[in-house]
Amino acid sequence: MSGTSAPTPPRTARTPRSARTPRPARTPRPARPSRAAALAVLRTETLLFRREPATLFWVMAFPTVLVAILGSIPGFREPDPALGGIRFIDAYVPVAVLLAMIMAGLQAMPPVITGYRERGILRRMSTTPVRPSALLGAQMALHGAAAVLSALLSITVGRVVFGVALPAQLPGYVLALLLAVLAALALGALVSAVSRTSKIAGAIGSAVFFPMMFSAGVWLPVQAMPAALARIVELTPFGAAAQALGEAAGGHWPGWTHLGVLAVWAVLLSAGATRWFRWQ
């Protein structure tokens, strides 16, 4: 009949909430390394670092021994007009400070990191909550601390034994020192990044090592170099660091040009190490 409305279809009974199919559980994300795990890695690497007598000697003792040997030469304890009236030993203490950083960044750290990569330690750590970056951070912290302790030792021996004046511009000296340490560690990280094996790391480190020693003034202080050569050397990280440390030791604030060169090198070397670094 046209006046009769169509019957309403029966409602479908709702499935009880308890009977519904449970959603698949989400796969938990890997936990970030805890501070306790990172500290455990640091403690382990510290023990291994202390068992390397060659590294301890070349990074922490050799620069101070070199200061003692050069300071025992009578002519090096006399004012030198070529150095602006200061003594050779006065100009060489900042060089010894930089030598420790070069040793740590180029000779000590890269073989350790590339050795871990060769043996698959970094690859195995990537499957654990402790990331390989914790190991890399521990290595950089240890070698950076060793370089700073070596610097303090060289300054102390220079002051106590040979009467070398303490840095008169202490804040500027500390700033230049920290920037130099960052540049040295970034250079070591870059060598570690581009080296597939520890042998290659040693070869590249040695090839870069001697030019960096020259630019730091190991054989000839930057202050005694010809003007044209000194301007070129000051564009290198350790040449700029030698000038900045020397200025701060003499009581002047380090030149902003030298500090800027150090900062730019630290950023560029860190960016290169980040770009090319491989954990396996």
Foldseek 3Di string as FASTA:
>chain_A
DVVDDDDDDDDDDDDDPVPDDDDDDDDDDQAADDPVVLVVLLVVVVVVVVVDVVLLCQQAPVLLVVLVVQLVDVQQLAQDVLLVRHGNSLLCLLLSLLSNLLCLQQPNQLQVLLACLVVCVQVVCCVHNHHCVSNVVSSLVVSLVSSVNSSVSNQVCCCPPSNRAAQQQVVLLVLLSVLSNLLSNLLSLLLNLVDNHSVSSNVVSVVVSVVLSVLLQVPHRLSNDPPVVSVVSLLDLNNLSSQSNSQRSVNHRGDPVSSVSSNVSSVVSNVSSVVRHDSD
